């Protein structure tokens, strides 16, 4: 059984690349591609947006009922929603969003005590 993958920030530069790589690898069941509610590509097939071909998963602003892992390269404003979803649903998280506040980093540290969590960014 393939791990259920959610990509948050799916229509951004990194999100599109992550989606394309996930499709190419064939090792994941992509169950959601998340973007902000007012994004112009909401409702479009995420694979097409990522130039990976249709995957029958539309860009949406909400998280699915279940997932095994979320990869998030979104914006700081969206990070809290992702962290909360993952901790509340015991979902692993790979977070590469930059520009997080100290409060958000504290939330990540607390979350890492209950879920598998990788947080990595380039520090300037």
Protein backbone atom coordinates (compact mmCIF):
# COMPACT_ATOMS: atom_id res chain seq x y z
CA UNK A 1 0.00 0.00 0.00
CA UNK A 2 1.38 3.38 -1.02
CA UNK A 3 1.69 6.18 1.59
CA UNK A 4 -1.06 8.80 1.27
CA UNK A 5 0.59 12.13 0.41
CA UNK A 6 -0.68 15.69 0.76
CA UNK A 7 1.25 18.57 -0.81
CA UNK A 8 0.53 21.97 0.75
CA UNK A 9 1.51 24.96 -1.35
CA UNK A 10 0.94 22.71 -4.34
CA UNK A 11 0.68 25.46 -6.96
CA UNK A 12 3.84 27.24 -5.88
CA UNK A 13 7.26 26.72 -7.44
CA UNK A 14 8.37 24.06 -4.92
CA UNK A 15 4.91 22.53 -4.57
CA UNK A 16 4.65 21.91 -8.30
CA UNK A 17 8.09 20.30 -8.33
CA UNK A 18 7.23 18.08 -5.35
CA UNK A 19 4.00 16.99 -7.04
CA UNK A 20 5.80 16.25 -10.30
CA UNK A 21 8.46 14.20 -8.50
CA UNK A 22 5.82 12.30 -6.52
CA UNK A 23 3.95 11.45 -9.73
CA UNK A 24 7.18 10.41 -11.44
CA UNK A 25 8.26 8.22 -8.51
CA UNK A 26 4.95 6.39 -8.42
CA UNK A 27 5.58 5.58 -4.76
CA UNK A 28 2.77 7.68 -3.28
CA UNK A 29 -0.98 7.95 -3.44
CA UNK A 30 -1.48 11.69 -3.80
CA UNK A 31 -4.68 12.35 -1.85
CA UNK A 32 -4.67 16.16 -1.76
CA UNK A 33 -3.00 19.21 -3.23
CA UNK A 34 -3.60 22.22 -1.01
CA UNK A 35 -3.54 25.91 -1.94
CA UNK A 36 -4.98 29.10 -0.49
CA UNK A 37 -8.71 29.48 -1.01
CA UNK A 38 -8.42 32.39 -3.44
CA UNK A 39 -5.72 30.85 -5.64
CA UNK A 40 -6.70 31.09 -9.34
CA UNK A 41 -5.93 27.40 -9.94
CA UNK A 42 -8.29 26.05 -7.25
CA UNK A 43 -10.40 23.29 -8.80
CA UNK A 44 -7.88 22.45 -11.53
CA UNK A 45 -6.18 19.06 -11.71
CA UNK A 46 -3.03 19.40 -9.61
CA UNK A 47 -1.01 17.17 -11.92
CA UNK A 48 -1.78 19.40 -14.87
CA UNK A 49 -0.88 22.51 -12.85
CA UNK A 50 2.43 20.81 -11.97
CA UNK A 51 3.03 19.82 -15.63
CA UNK A 52 2.99 16.14 -14.60
CA UNK A 53 -0.17 15.11 -16.43
CA UNK A 54 -3.62 14.52 -14.93
CA UNK A 55 -3.74 12.80 -11.53
CA UNK A 56 -7.47 13.17 -10.74
CA UNK A 57 -6.69 15.28 -7.65
CA UNK A 58 -7.88 18.87 -7.86
CA UNK A 59 -6.25 21.79 -6.08
CA UNK A 60 -8.32 22.48 -2.98
CA UNK A 61 -8.07 24.64 0.12
CA UNK A 62 -8.98 21.90 2.60
CA UNK A 63 -7.17 18.91 4.00
CA UNK A 64 -8.43 15.35 3.43
CA UNK A 65 -9.83 13.19 6.21
CA UNK A 66 -6.73 10.97 6.24
CA UNK A 67 -3.13 11.13 5.09
CA UNK A 68 0.18 9.56 6.04
CA UNK A 69 2.43 12.52 5.29
CA UNK A 70 2.15 16.20 4.40
CA UNK A 71 4.90 18.02 2.54
CA UNK A 72 4.48 21.76 3.03
CA UNK A 73 6.33 24.45 1.10
CA UNK A 74 3.60 27.05 1.44
CA UNK A 75 3.56 30.50 3.04
CA UNK A 76 4.00 31.31 6.76
CA UNK A 77 0.31 32.25 7.01
CA UNK A 78 -0.64 28.68 6.06
CA UNK A 79 1.85 26.87 8.28
CA UNK A 80 -0.28 26.90 11.44
CA UNK A 81 -3.15 25.16 9.66
CA UNK A 82 -0.78 22.48 8.37
CA UNK A 83 0.92 21.92 11.72
CA UNK A 84 -2.45 21.72 13.48
CA UNK A 85 -3.81 19.24 10.92
CA UNK A 86 -0.76 17.01 11.27
CA UNK A 87 -0.67 17.00 15.08
CA UNK A 88 -4.44 16.48 15.37
CA UNK A 89 -4.40 13.60 12.86
CA UNK A 90 -1.06 11.96 13.77
CA UNK A 91 0.24 12.71 10.29
CA UNK A 92 3.95 12.99 9.53
CA UNK A 93 5.11 16.41 8.35
CA UNK A 94 7.94 17.62 6.15
CA UNK A 95 7.99 21.42 6.42
CA UNK A 96 10.16 23.63 4.25
CA UNK A 97 8.26 26.88 4.61
CA UNK A 98 10.54 29.84 5.31
CA UNK A 99 9.90 33.01 7.29
CA UNK A 100 8.13 31.39 10.24
CA UNK A 101 7.77 33.29 13.49
CA UNK A 102 9.29 32.19 16.78
CA UNK A 103 5.79 31.22 17.94
CA UNK A 104 5.39 28.98 14.88
CA UNK A 105 8.82 27.42 15.46
CA UNK A 106 7.78 26.69 19.05
CA UNK A 107 4.63 25.02 17.70
CA UNK A 108 6.81 22.88 15.41
CA UNK A 109 9.03 21.87 18.32
CA UNK A 110 5.99 20.90 20.38
CA UNK A 111 4.50 18.97 17.45
CA UNK A 112 7.72 17.02 16.94
CA UNK A 113 7.11 15.34 20.29
CA UNK A 114 3.98 13.62 18.98
CA UNK A 115 4.49 13.17 15.22
CA UNK A 116 7.39 12.46 12.86
CA UNK A 117 8.38 15.96 11.77
CA UNK A 118 11.19 17.40 9.67
CA UNK A 119 11.60 21.17 9.52
CA UNK A 120 14.36 22.43 7.30
CA UNK A 121 14.94 25.80 5.68
CA UNK A 122 17.90 27.79 4.50
CA UNK A 123 18.88 30.34 7.08
CA UNK A 124 20.26 33.61 5.80
